[in-house]
């Protein structure tokens, strides 16, 4: 199946939303895999995504009820998060999920 999204951000969010819709525990498994020192790429609310940067809290998108993803990231980071998402979903990045992001 080939799906084309207008932007890398749209593709990133569509993939996360699809995986979250298929498994109600997906976000809870993914969140700790992609948590950083200053930003939690997946969290329960925008304030938890950007705990130290209130100005960036608008740079999030809901991917499942009560779960938000950081959208203020480079394509390299999107790919890293998608690799972790595949791990959390029990699928193989590059085989089960194939995506090409510019500059990733």
PDB file of N, CA and C in Angstrom:
ATOM      1  N   UNK A   1       0.842  -1.167   0.000  1.00  0.00           N
ATOM      2  CA  UNK A   1       0.000   0.000   0.000  1.00  0.00           C
ATOM      3  C   UNK A   1       0.892   1.237   0.000  1.00  0.00           C
ATOM      4  N   UNK A   2       0.554   2.205  -0.810  1.00  0.00           N
ATOM      5  CA  UNK A   2       1.313   3.442  -0.880  1.00  0.00           C
ATOM      6  C   UNK A   2       0.394   4.583  -0.489  1.00  0.00           C
ATOM      7  N   UNK A   3       0.778   5.275   0.535  1.00  0.00           N
ATOM      8  CA  UNK A   3       0.069   6.480   0.946  1.00  0.00           C
ATOM      9  C   UNK A   3       1.053   7.626   0.865  1.00  0.00           C
ATOM     10  N   UNK A   4       0.596   8.734   0.376  1.00  0.00           N
ATOM     11  CA  UNK A   4       1.449   9.912   0.291  1.00  0.00           C
ATOM     12  C   UNK A   4       0.815  11.007   1.134  1.00  0.00           C
ATOM     13  N   UNK A   5       1.596  11.526   2.060  1.00  0.00           N
ATOM     14  CA  UNK A   5       1.138  12.625   2.912  1.00  0.00           C
ATOM     15  C   UNK A   5       1.746  13.916   2.370  1.00  0.00           C
ATOM     16  N   UNK A   6       1.040  15.024   2.521  1.00  0.00           N
ATOM     17  CA  UNK A   6       1.562  16.287   1.995  1.00  0.00           C
ATOM     18  C   UNK A   6       2.834  16.764   2.691  1.00  0.00           C
ATOM     19  N   UNK A   7       3.021  16.409   3.956  1.00  0.00           N
ATOM     20  CA  UNK A   7       4.224  16.831   4.685  1.00  0.00           C
ATOM     21  C   UNK A   7       4.725  15.681   5.552  1.00  0.00           C
ATOM     22  N   UNK A   8       5.978  15.783   5.959  1.00  0.00           N
ATOM     23  CA  UNK A   8       6.549  14.785   6.870  1.00  0.00           C
ATOM     24  C   UNK A   8       5.783  14.779   8.192  1.00  0.00           C
ATOM     25  N   UNK A   9       5.386  15.947   8.647  1.00  0.00           N
ATOM     26  CA  UNK A   9       4.612  16.044   9.894  1.00  0.00           C
ATOM     27  C   UNK A   9       3.291  15.296   9.763  1.00  0.00           C
ATOM     28  N   UNK A  10       2.606  15.466   8.637  1.00  0.00           N
ATOM     29  CA  UNK A  10       1.334  14.768   8.421  1.00  0.00           C
ATOM     30  C   UNK A  10       1.536  13.255   8.404  1.00  0.00           C
ATOM     31  N   UNK A  11       2.591  12.797   7.744  1.00  0.00           N
ATOM     32  CA  UNK A  11       2.882  11.360   7.692  1.00  0.00           C
ATOM     33  C   UNK A  11       3.189  10.829   9.085  1.00  0.00           C
ATOM     34  N   UNK A  12       4.019  11.548   9.820  1.00  0.00           N
ATOM     35  CA  UNK A  12       4.408  11.176  11.182  1.00  0.00           C
ATOM     36  C   UNK A  12       3.173  11.007  12.065  1.00  0.00           C
ATOM     37  N   UNK A  13       2.301  12.001  12.036  1.00  0.00           N
ATOM     38  CA  UNK A  13       1.100  11.956  12.873  1.00  0.00           C
ATOM     39  C   UNK A  13       0.133  10.866  12.419  1.00  0.00           C
ATOM     40  N   UNK A  14      -0.012  10.685  11.117  1.00  0.00           N
ATOM     41  CA  UNK A  14      -0.914   9.648  10.608  1.00  0.00           C
ATOM     42  C   UNK A  14      -0.455   8.262  11.051  1.00  0.00           C
ATOM     43  N   UNK A  15       0.841   8.019  11.010  1.00  0.00           N
ATOM     44  CA  UNK A  15       1.372   6.717  11.428  1.00  0.00           C
ATOM     45  C   UNK A  15       1.129   6.507  12.913  1.00  0.00           C
ATOM     46  N   UNK A  16       1.461   7.503  13.726  1.00  0.00           N
ATOM     47  CA  UNK A  16       1.253   7.366  15.168  1.00  0.00           C
ATOM     48  C   UNK A  16      -0.223   7.170  15.495  1.00  0.00           C
ATOM     49  N   UNK A  17      -1.090   7.905  14.829  1.00  0.00           N
ATOM     50  CA  UNK A  17      -2.531   7.775  15.082  1.00  0.00           C
ATOM     51  C   UNK A  17      -3.042   6.389  14.681  1.00  0.00           C
ATOM     52  N   UNK A  18      -2.545   5.870  13.580  1.00  0.00           N
ATOM     53  CA  UNK A  18      -2.957   4.536  13.136  1.00  0.00           C
ATOM     54  C   UNK A  18      -2.522   3.475  14.133  1.00  0.00           C
ATOM     55  N   UNK A  19      -1.266   3.542  14.559  1.00  0.00           N
ATOM     56  CA  UNK A  19      -0.768   2.558  15.525  1.00  0.00           C
ATOM     57  C   UNK A  19      -1.515   2.667  16.855  1.00  0.00           C
ATOM     58  N   UNK A  20      -1.806   3.892  17.280  1.00  0.00           N
ATOM     59  CA  UNK A  20      -2.535   4.093  18.538  1.00  0.00           C
ATOM     60  C   UNK A  20      -3.970   3.580  18.430  1.00  0.00           C
ATOM     61  N   UNK A  21      -4.586   3.751  17.273  1.00  0.00           N
ATOM     62  CA  UNK A  21      -5.969   3.296  17.088  1.00  0.00           C
ATOM     63  C   UNK A  21      -6.067   1.771  17.099  1.00  0.00           C
ATOM     64  N   UNK A  22      -4.996   1.113  16.681  1.00  0.00           N
ATOM     65  CA  UNK A  22      -4.997  -0.352  16.628  1.00  0.00           C
ATOM     66  C   UNK A  22      -4.750  -0.996  17.985  1.00  0.00           C
ATOM     67  N   UNK A  23      -4.157  -0.239  18.917  1.00  0.00           N
ATOM     68  CA  UNK A  23      -3.794  -0.813  20.220  1.00  0.00           C
ATOM     69  C   UNK A  23      -3.889   0.271  21.286  1.00  0.00           C
ATOM     70  N   UNK A  24      -4.820   0.116  22.196  1.00  0.00           N
ATOM     71  CA  UNK A  24      -5.052   1.116  23.231  1.00  0.00           C
ATOM     72  C   UNK A  24      -3.901   1.317  24.201  1.00  0.00           C
ATOM     73  N   UNK A  25      -2.940   0.401  24.238  1.00  0.00           N
ATOM     74  CA  UNK A  25      -1.791   0.545  25.146  1.00  0.00           C
ATOM     75  C   UNK A  25      -0.533   1.027  24.431  1.00  0.00           C
ATOM     76  N   UNK A  26      -0.644   1.268  23.133  1.00  0.00           N
ATOM     77  CA  UNK A  26       0.520   1.660  22.332  1.00  0.00           C
ATOM     78  C   UNK A  26       1.207   2.915  22.874  1.00  0.00           C
ATOM     79  N   UNK A  27       0.465   3.976  23.116  1.00  0.00           N
ATOM     80  CA  UNK A  27       1.074   5.242  23.555  1.00  0.00           C
ATOM     81  C   UNK A  27       1.782   5.087  24.893  1.00  0.00           C
ATOM     82  N   UNK A  28       1.189   4.334  25.787  1.00  0.00           N
ATOM     83  CA  UNK A  28       1.814   4.118  27.100  1.00  0.00           C
ATOM     84  C   UNK A  28       3.127   3.349  26.964  1.00  0.00           C
ATOM     85  N   UNK A  29       3.219   2.462  25.993  1.00  0.00           N
ATOM     86  CA  UNK A  29       4.476   1.733  25.766  1.00  0.00           C
ATOM     87  C   UNK A  29       5.501   2.600  25.045  1.00  0.00           C
ATOM     88  N   UNK A  30       5.035   3.438  24.124  1.00  0.00           N
ATOM     89  CA  UNK A  30       5.944   4.274  23.340  1.00  0.00           C
ATOM     90  C   UNK A  30       6.530   5.422  24.156  1.00  0.00           C
ATOM     91  N   UNK A  31       5.736   6.048  24.996  1.00  0.00           N
ATOM     92  CA  UNK A  31       6.170   7.254  25.719  1.00  0.00           C
ATOM     93  C   UNK A  31       7.525   7.102  26.405  1.00  0.00           C
ATOM     94  N   UNK A  32       7.767   6.062  27.190  1.00  0.00           N
ATOM     95  CA  UNK A  32       9.078   5.971  27.849  1.00  0.00           C
ATOM     96  C   UNK A  32      10.228   5.703  26.877  1.00  0.00           C
ATOM     97  N   UNK A  33       9.923   5.139  25.720  1.00  0.00           N
ATOM     98  CA  UNK A  33      10.974   4.861  24.735  1.00  0.00           C
ATOM     99  C   UNK A  33      11.496   6.131  24.080  1.00  0.00           C
ATOM    100  N   UNK A  34      10.683   7.191  24.074  1.00  0.00           N
ATOM    101  CA  UNK A  34      11.072   8.417  23.373  1.00  0.00           C
ATOM    102  C   UNK A  34      11.136   9.631  24.301  1.00  0.00           C
ATOM    103  N   UNK A  35      11.211   9.384  25.592  1.00  0.00           N
ATOM    104  CA  UNK A  35      11.331  10.489  26.555  1.00  0.00           C
ATOM    105  C   UNK A  35      12.767  10.991  26.572  1.00  0.00           C
ATOM    106  N   UNK A  36      12.910  12.306  26.586  1.00  0.00           N
ATOM    107  CA  UNK A  36      14.234  12.912  26.657  1.00  0.00           C
ATOM    108  C   UNK A  36      14.425  13.657  27.963  1.00  0.00           C
ATOM    109  N   UNK A  37      15.570  14.298  28.080  1.00  0.00           N
ATOM    110  CA  UNK A  37      15.852  15.073  29.297  1.00  0.00           C
ATOM    111  C   UNK A  37      14.971  16.307  29.408  1.00  0.00           C
ATOM    112  N   UNK A  38      14.757  16.971  28.273  1.00  0.00           N
ATOM    113  CA  UNK A  38      14.024  18.239  28.298  1.00  0.00           C
ATOM    114  C   UNK A  38      12.659  18.185  27.627  1.00  0.00           C
ATOM    115  N   UNK A  39      12.407  17.133  26.892  1.00  0.00           N
ATOM    116  CA  UNK A  39      11.134  17.010  26.176  1.00  0.00           C
ATOM    117  C   UNK A  39      10.708  15.545  26.189  1.00  0.00           C
ATOM    118  N   UNK A  40       9.426  15.351  26.351  1.00  0.00           N
ATOM    119  CA  UNK A  40       8.835  14.012  26.263  1.00  0.00           C
ATOM    120  C   UNK A  40       8.075  13.978  24.946  1.00  0.00           C
ATOM    121  N   UNK A  41       8.586  13.264  23.977  1.00  0.00           N
ATOM    122  CA  UNK A  41       7.998  13.328  22.637  1.00  0.00           C
ATOM    123  C   UNK A  41       6.571  12.803  22.577  1.00  0.00           C
ATOM    124  N   UNK A  42       6.201  11.925  23.496  1.00  0.00           N
ATOM    125  CA  UNK A  42       4.826  11.431  23.615  1.00  0.00           C
ATOM    126  C   UNK A  42       4.437  11.573  25.084  1.00  0.00           C
ATOM    127  N   UNK A  43       3.333  12.255  25.350  1.00  0.00           N
ATOM    128  CA  UNK A  43       2.933  12.475  26.746  1.00  0.00           C
ATOM    129  C   UNK A  43       1.420  12.661  26.833  1.00  0.00           C
ATOM    130  N   UNK A  44       0.923  12.705  28.062  1.00  0.00           N
ATOM    131  CA  UNK A  44      -0.515  12.779  28.311  1.00  0.00           C
ATOM    132  C   UNK A  44      -1.120  14.154  28.034  1.00  0.00           C
ATOM    133  N   UNK A  45      -0.315  15.205  27.997  1.00  0.00           N
ATOM    134  CA  UNK A  45      -0.830  16.535  27.677  1.00  0.00           C
ATOM    135  C   UNK A  45       0.318  17.398  27.165  1.00  0.00           C
ATOM    136  N   UNK A  46       0.010  18.514  26.497  1.00  0.00           N
ATOM    137  CA  UNK A  46       1.065  19.360  25.942  1.00  0.00           C
ATOM    138  C   UNK A  46       2.062  19.870  26.984  1.00  0.00           C
ATOM    139  N   UNK A  47       1.606  20.119  28.204  1.00  0.00           N
ATOM    140  CA  UNK A  47       2.526  20.591  29.249  1.00  0.00           C
ATOM    141  C   UNK A  47       3.554  19.523  29.597  1.00  0.00           C
ATOM    142  N   UNK A  48       3.177  18.257  29.520  1.00  0.00           N
ATOM    143  CA  UNK A  48       4.135  17.183  29.788  1.00  0.00           C
ATOM    144  C   UNK A  48       5.073  16.954  28.607  1.00  0.00           C
ATOM    145  N   UNK A  49       4.614  17.269  27.399  1.00  0.00           N
ATOM    146  CA  UNK A  49       5.498  17.150  26.233  1.00  0.00           C
ATOM    147  C   UNK A  49       6.639  18.152  26.367  1.00  0.00           C
ATOM    148  N   UNK A  50       6.305  19.390  26.665  1.00  0.00           N
ATOM    149  CA  UNK A  50       7.296  20.470  26.794  1.00  0.00           C
ATOM    150  C   UNK A  50       7.251  21.039  28.211  1.00  0.00           C
ATOM    151  N   UNK A  51       7.734  20.295  29.212  1.00  0.00           N
ATOM    152  CA  UNK A  51       7.606  20.763  30.595  1.00  0.00           C
ATOM    153  C   UNK A  51       8.385  22.039  30.903  1.00  0.00           C
ATOM    154  N   UNK A  52       9.460  22.298  30.165  1.00  0.00           N
ATOM    155  CA  UNK A  52      10.300  23.467  30.449  1.00  0.00           C
ATOM    156  C   UNK A  52      10.113  24.595  29.439  1.00  0.00           C
ATOM    157  N   UNK A  53       9.235  24.389  28.453  1.00  0.00           N
ATOM    158  CA  UNK A  53       9.052  25.383  27.394  1.00  0.00           C
ATOM    159  C   UNK A  53       7.567  25.637  27.136  1.00  0.00           C
ATOM    160  N   UNK A  54       6.936  26.445  27.975  1.00  0.00           N
ATOM    161  CA  UNK A  54       5.515  26.738  27.766  1.00  0.00           C
ATOM    162  C   UNK A  54       5.226  27.318  26.383  1.00  0.00           C
ATOM    163  N   UNK A  55       6.210  28.009  25.803  1.00  0.00           N
ATOM    164  CA  UNK A  55       6.023  28.610  24.489  1.00  0.00           C
ATOM    165  C   UNK A  55       5.902  27.568  23.378  1.00  0.00           C
ATOM    166  N   UNK A  56       6.328  26.329  23.628  1.00  0.00           N
ATOM    167  CA  UNK A  56       6.262  25.280  22.607  1.00  0.00           C
ATOM    168  C   UNK A  56       5.083  24.329  22.797  1.00  0.00           C
ATOM    169  N   UNK A  57       4.282  24.562  23.789  1.00  0.00           N
ATOM    170  CA  UNK A  57       3.187  23.626  24.071  1.00  0.00           C
ATOM    171  C   UNK A  57       2.152  23.577  22.950  1.00  0.00           C
ATOM    172  N   UNK A  58       2.102  24.606  22.137  1.00  0.00           N
ATOM    173  CA  UNK A  58       1.220  24.585  20.971  1.00  0.00           C
ATOM    174  C   UNK A  58       1.769  23.742  19.838  1.00  0.00           C
ATOM    175  N   UNK A  59       3.023  23.340  19.952  1.00  0.00           N
ATOM    176  CA  UNK A  59       3.679  22.522  18.927  1.00  0.00           C
ATOM    177  C   UNK A  59       3.500  21.041  19.240  1.00  0.00           C
ATOM    178  N   UNK A  60       2.268  20.661  19.515  1.00  0.00           N
ATOM    179  CA  UNK A  60       1.921  19.269  19.793  1.00  0.00           C
ATOM    180  C   UNK A  60       0.647  18.935  19.031  1.00  0.00           C
ATOM    181  N   UNK A  61       0.385  17.656  18.888  1.00  0.00           N
ATOM    182  CA  UNK A  61      -0.856  17.215  18.250  1.00  0.00           C
ATOM    183  C   UNK A  61      -1.356  15.975  18.975  1.00  0.00           C
ATOM    184  N   UNK A  62      -2.660  15.890  19.126  1.00  0.00           N
ATOM    185  CA  UNK A  62      -3.243  14.722  19.782  1.00  0.00           C
ATOM    186  C   UNK A  62      -3.187  13.541  18.817  1.00  0.00           C
ATOM    187  N   UNK A  63      -2.653  12.419  19.297  1.00  0.00           N
ATOM    188  CA  UNK A  63      -2.563  11.221  18.460  1.00  0.00           C
ATOM    189  C   UNK A  63      -3.542  10.136  18.901  1.00  0.00           C
ATOM    190  N   UNK A  64      -4.041  10.260  20.101  1.00  0.00           N
ATOM    191  CA  UNK A  64      -5.056   9.359  20.656  1.00  0.00           C
ATOM    192  C   UNK A  64      -5.701  10.124  21.802  1.00  0.00           C
ATOM    193  N   UNK A  65      -6.888   9.743  22.217  1.00  0.00           N
ATOM    194  CA  UNK A  65      -7.510  10.472  23.326  1.00  0.00           C
ATOM    195  C   UNK A  65      -6.586  10.535  24.551  1.00  0.00           C
ATOM    196  N   UNK A  66      -6.226  11.762  24.921  1.00  0.00           N
ATOM    197  CA  UNK A  66      -5.369  11.961  26.083  1.00  0.00           C
ATOM    198  C   UNK A  66      -3.891  11.726  25.846  1.00  0.00           C
ATOM    199  N   UNK A  67      -3.461  11.610  24.603  1.00  0.00           N
ATOM    200  CA  UNK A  67      -2.043  11.426  24.273  1.00  0.00           C
ATOM    201  C   UNK A  67      -1.632  12.422  23.193  1.00  0.00           C
ATOM    202  N   UNK A  68      -0.477  13.063  23.413  1.00  0.00           N
ATOM    203  CA  UNK A  68       0.003  14.102  22.512  1.00  0.00           C
ATOM    204  C   UNK A  68       1.420  13.802  22.051  1.00  0.00           C
ATOM    205  N   UNK A  69       1.715  14.223  20.825  1.00  0.00           N
ATOM    206  CA  UNK A  69       3.048  14.047  20.254  1.00  0.00           C
ATOM    207  C   UNK A  69       3.676  15.409  20.004  1.00  0.00           C
ATOM    208  N   UNK A  70       4.970  15.473  20.198  1.00  0.00           N
ATOM    209  CA  UNK A  70       5.751  16.659  19.887  1.00  0.00           C
ATOM    210  C   UNK A  70       5.827  16.797  18.369  1.00  0.00           C
ATOM    211  N   UNK A  71       5.501  17.968  17.852  1.00  0.00           N
ATOM    212  CA  UNK A  71       5.603  18.196  16.408  1.00  0.00           C
ATOM    213  C   UNK A  71       6.689  19.206  16.070  1.00  0.00           C
ATOM    214  N   UNK A  72       7.389  19.701  17.061  1.00  0.00           N
ATOM    215  CA  UNK A  72       8.462  20.675  16.853  1.00  0.00           C
ATOM    216  C   UNK A  72       9.803  19.935  16.769  1.00  0.00           C
ATOM    217  N   UNK A  73       9.905  19.055  15.773  1.00  0.00           N
ATOM    218  CA  UNK A  73      11.093  18.214  15.653  1.00  0.00           C
ATOM    219  C   UNK A  73      11.520  18.090  14.197  1.00  0.00           C
ATOM    220  N   UNK A  74      12.796  17.817  14.014  1.00  0.00           N
ATOM    221  CA  UNK A  74      13.354  17.598  12.682  1.00  0.00           C
ATOM    222  C   UNK A  74      12.947  16.216  12.174  1.00  0.00           C
ATOM    223  N   UNK A  75      13.079  16.028  10.883  1.00  0.00           N
ATOM    224  CA  UNK A  75      12.722  14.740  10.300  1.00  0.00           C
ATOM    225  C   UNK A  75      13.579  13.598  10.841  1.00  0.00           C
ATOM    226  N   UNK A  76      14.824  13.867  11.198  1.00  0.00           N
ATOM    227  CA  UNK A  76      15.668  12.820  11.806  1.00  0.00           C
ATOM    228  C   UNK A  76      15.041  12.332  13.106  1.00  0.00           C
ATOM    229  N   UNK A  77      14.528  13.262  13.892  1.00  0.00           N
ATOM    230  CA  UNK A  77      13.869  12.880  15.146  1.00  0.00           C
ATOM    231  C   UNK A  77      12.557  12.146  14.878  1.00  0.00           C
ATOM    232  N   UNK A  78      11.829  12.587  13.863  1.00  0.00           N
ATOM    233  CA  UNK A  78      10.596  11.881  13.500  1.00  0.00           C
ATOM    234  C   UNK A  78      10.918  10.423  13.179  1.00  0.00           C
ATOM    235  N   UNK A  79      11.974  10.199  12.404  1.00  0.00           N
ATOM    236  CA  UNK A  79      12.338   8.827  12.052  1.00  0.00           C
ATOM    237  C   UNK A  79      12.733   8.024  13.286  1.00  0.00           C
ATOM    238  N   UNK A  80      13.482   8.630  14.185  1.00  0.00           N
ATOM    239  CA  UNK A  80      13.870   7.939  15.422  1.00  0.00           C
ATOM    240  C   UNK A  80      12.636   7.544  16.228  1.00  0.00           C
ATOM    241  N   UNK A  81      11.681   8.445  16.321  1.00  0.00           N
ATOM    242  CA  UNK A  81      10.446   8.158  17.059  1.00  0.00           C
ATOM    243  C   UNK A  81       9.642   7.076  16.346  1.00  0.00           C
ATOM    244  N   UNK A  82       9.601   7.120  15.019  1.00  0.00           N
ATOM    245  CA  UNK A  82       8.870   6.091  14.280  1.00  0.00           C
ATOM    246  C   UNK A  82       9.531   4.722  14.426  1.00  0.00           C
ATOM    247  N   UNK A  83      10.850   4.690  14.516  1.00  0.00           N
ATOM    248  CA  UNK A  83      11.536   3.411  14.771  1.00  0.00           C
ATOM    249  C   UNK A  83      11.117   2.858  16.140  1.00  0.00           C
ATOM    250  N   UNK A  84      11.076   3.736  17.133  1.00  0.00           N
ATOM    251  CA  UNK A  84      10.637   3.316  18.470  1.00  0.00           C
ATOM    252  C   UNK A  84       9.165   2.910  18.446  1.00  0.00           C
ATOM    253  N   UNK A  85       8.366   3.611  17.651  1.00  0.00           N
ATOM    254  CA  UNK A  85       6.946   3.275  17.533  1.00  0.00           C
ATOM    255  C   UNK A  85       6.772   1.873  16.956  1.00  0.00           C
ATOM    256  N   UNK A  86       7.594   1.538  15.988  1.00  0.00           N
ATOM    257  CA  UNK A  86       7.536   0.188  15.422  1.00  0.00           C
ATOM    258  C   UNK A  86       7.888  -0.844  16.482  1.00  0.00           C
ATOM    259  N   UNK A  87       8.917  -0.548  17.268  1.00  0.00           N
ATOM    260  CA  UNK A  87       9.297  -1.457  18.354  1.00  0.00           C
ATOM    261  C   UNK A  87       8.129  -1.638  19.330  1.00  0.00           C
ATOM    262  N   UNK A  88       7.506  -0.529  19.716  1.00  0.00           N
ATOM    263  CA  UNK A  88       6.389  -0.589  20.667  1.00  0.00           C
ATOM    264  C   UNK A  88       5.189  -1.338  20.088  1.00  0.00           C
ATOM    265  N   UNK A  89       5.025  -1.252  18.769  1.00  0.00           N
ATOM    266  CA  UNK A  89       3.888  -1.903  18.114  1.00  0.00           C
ATOM    267  C   UNK A  89       4.189  -3.345  17.707  1.00  0.00           C
ATOM    268  N   UNK A  90       5.441  -3.748  17.842  1.00  0.00           N
ATOM    269  CA  UNK A  90       5.806  -5.108  17.462  1.00  0.00           C
ATOM    270  C   UNK A  90       5.895  -5.313  15.962  1.00  0.00           C
ATOM    271  N   UNK A  91       6.237  -4.245  15.237  1.00  0.00           N
ATOM    272  CA  UNK A  91       6.434  -4.348  13.795  1.00  0.00           C
ATOM    273  C   UNK A  91       7.859  -3.926  13.464  1.00  0.00           C
ATOM    274  N   UNK A  92       8.270  -4.174  12.225  1.00  0.00           N
ATOM    275  CA  UNK A  92       9.654  -3.927  11.829  1.00  0.00           C
ATOM    276  C   UNK A  92       9.729  -2.689  10.940  1.00  0.00           C
ATOM    277  N   UNK A  93      10.499  -1.700  11.401  1.00  0.00           N
ATOM    278  CA  UNK A  93      10.731  -0.493  10.604  1.00  0.00           C
ATOM    279  C   UNK A  93      11.536  -0.893   9.370  1.00  0.00           C
ATOM    280  N   UNK A  94      11.132  -0.410   8.216  1.00  0.00           N
ATOM    281  CA  UNK A  94      11.821  -0.741   6.979  1.00  0.00           C
ATOM    282  C   UNK A  94      11.198  -1.920   6.249  1.00  0.00           C
ATOM    283  N   UNK A  95      10.452  -2.736   6.973  1.00  0.00           N
ATOM    284  CA  UNK A  95       9.728  -3.847   6.346  1.00  0.00           C
ATOM    285  C   UNK A  95       8.225  -3.603   6.466  1.00  0.00           C
ATOM    286  N   UNK A  96       7.722  -3.567   7.698  1.00  0.00           N
ATOM    287  CA  UNK A  96       6.290  -3.357   7.921  1.00  0.00           C
ATOM    288  C   UNK A  96       5.895  -1.892   7.768  1.00  0.00           C
ATOM    289  N   UNK A  97       6.817  -1.018   8.083  1.00  0.00           N
ATOM    290  CA  UNK A  97       6.612   0.422   7.895  1.00  0.00           C
ATOM    291  C   UNK A  97       7.771   0.946   7.074  1.00  0.00           C
ATOM    292  N   UNK A  98       7.450   1.445   5.903  1.00  0.00           N
ATOM    293  CA  UNK A  98       8.462   2.031   5.035  1.00  0.00           C
ATOM    294  C   UNK A  98       8.098   3.488   4.800  1.00  0.00           C
ATOM    295  N   UNK A  99       9.055   4.356   5.085  1.00  0.00           N
ATOM    296  CA  UNK A  99       8.818   5.786   4.919  1.00  0.00           C
ATOM    297  C   UNK A  99      10.133   6.463   4.578  1.00  0.00           C
ATOM    298  N   UNK A 100      10.054   7.443   3.706  1.00  0.00           N
ATOM    299  CA  UNK A 100      11.216   8.256   3.367  1.00  0.00           C
ATOM    300  C   UNK A 100      10.910   9.692   3.761  1.00  0.00           C
ATOM    301  N   UNK A 101      11.678  10.197   4.705  1.00  0.00           N
ATOM    302  CA  UNK A 101      11.536  11.583   5.136  1.00  0.00           C
ATOM    303  C   UNK A 101      12.748  12.355   4.638  1.00  0.00           C
ATOM    304  N   UNK A 102      12.549  13.528   4.056  1.00  0.00           N
ATOM    305  CA  UNK A 102      13.700  14.323   3.622  1.00  0.00           C
ATOM    306  C   UNK A 102      14.629  14.623   4.797  1.00  0.00           C
ATOM    307  N   UNK A 103      15.923  14.558   4.560  1.00  0.00           N
ATOM    308  CA  UNK A 103      16.950  14.893   5.557  1.00  0.00           C
ATOM    309  C   UNK A 103      16.906  14.016   6.795  1.00  0.00           C
ATOM    310  N   UNK A 104      16.345  12.838   6.683  1.00  0.00           N
ATOM    311  CA  UNK A 104      16.286  11.937   7.849  1.00  0.00           C
ATOM    312  C   UNK A 104      17.528  11.071   7.919  1.00  0.00           C
TER     313      UNK A 104
END
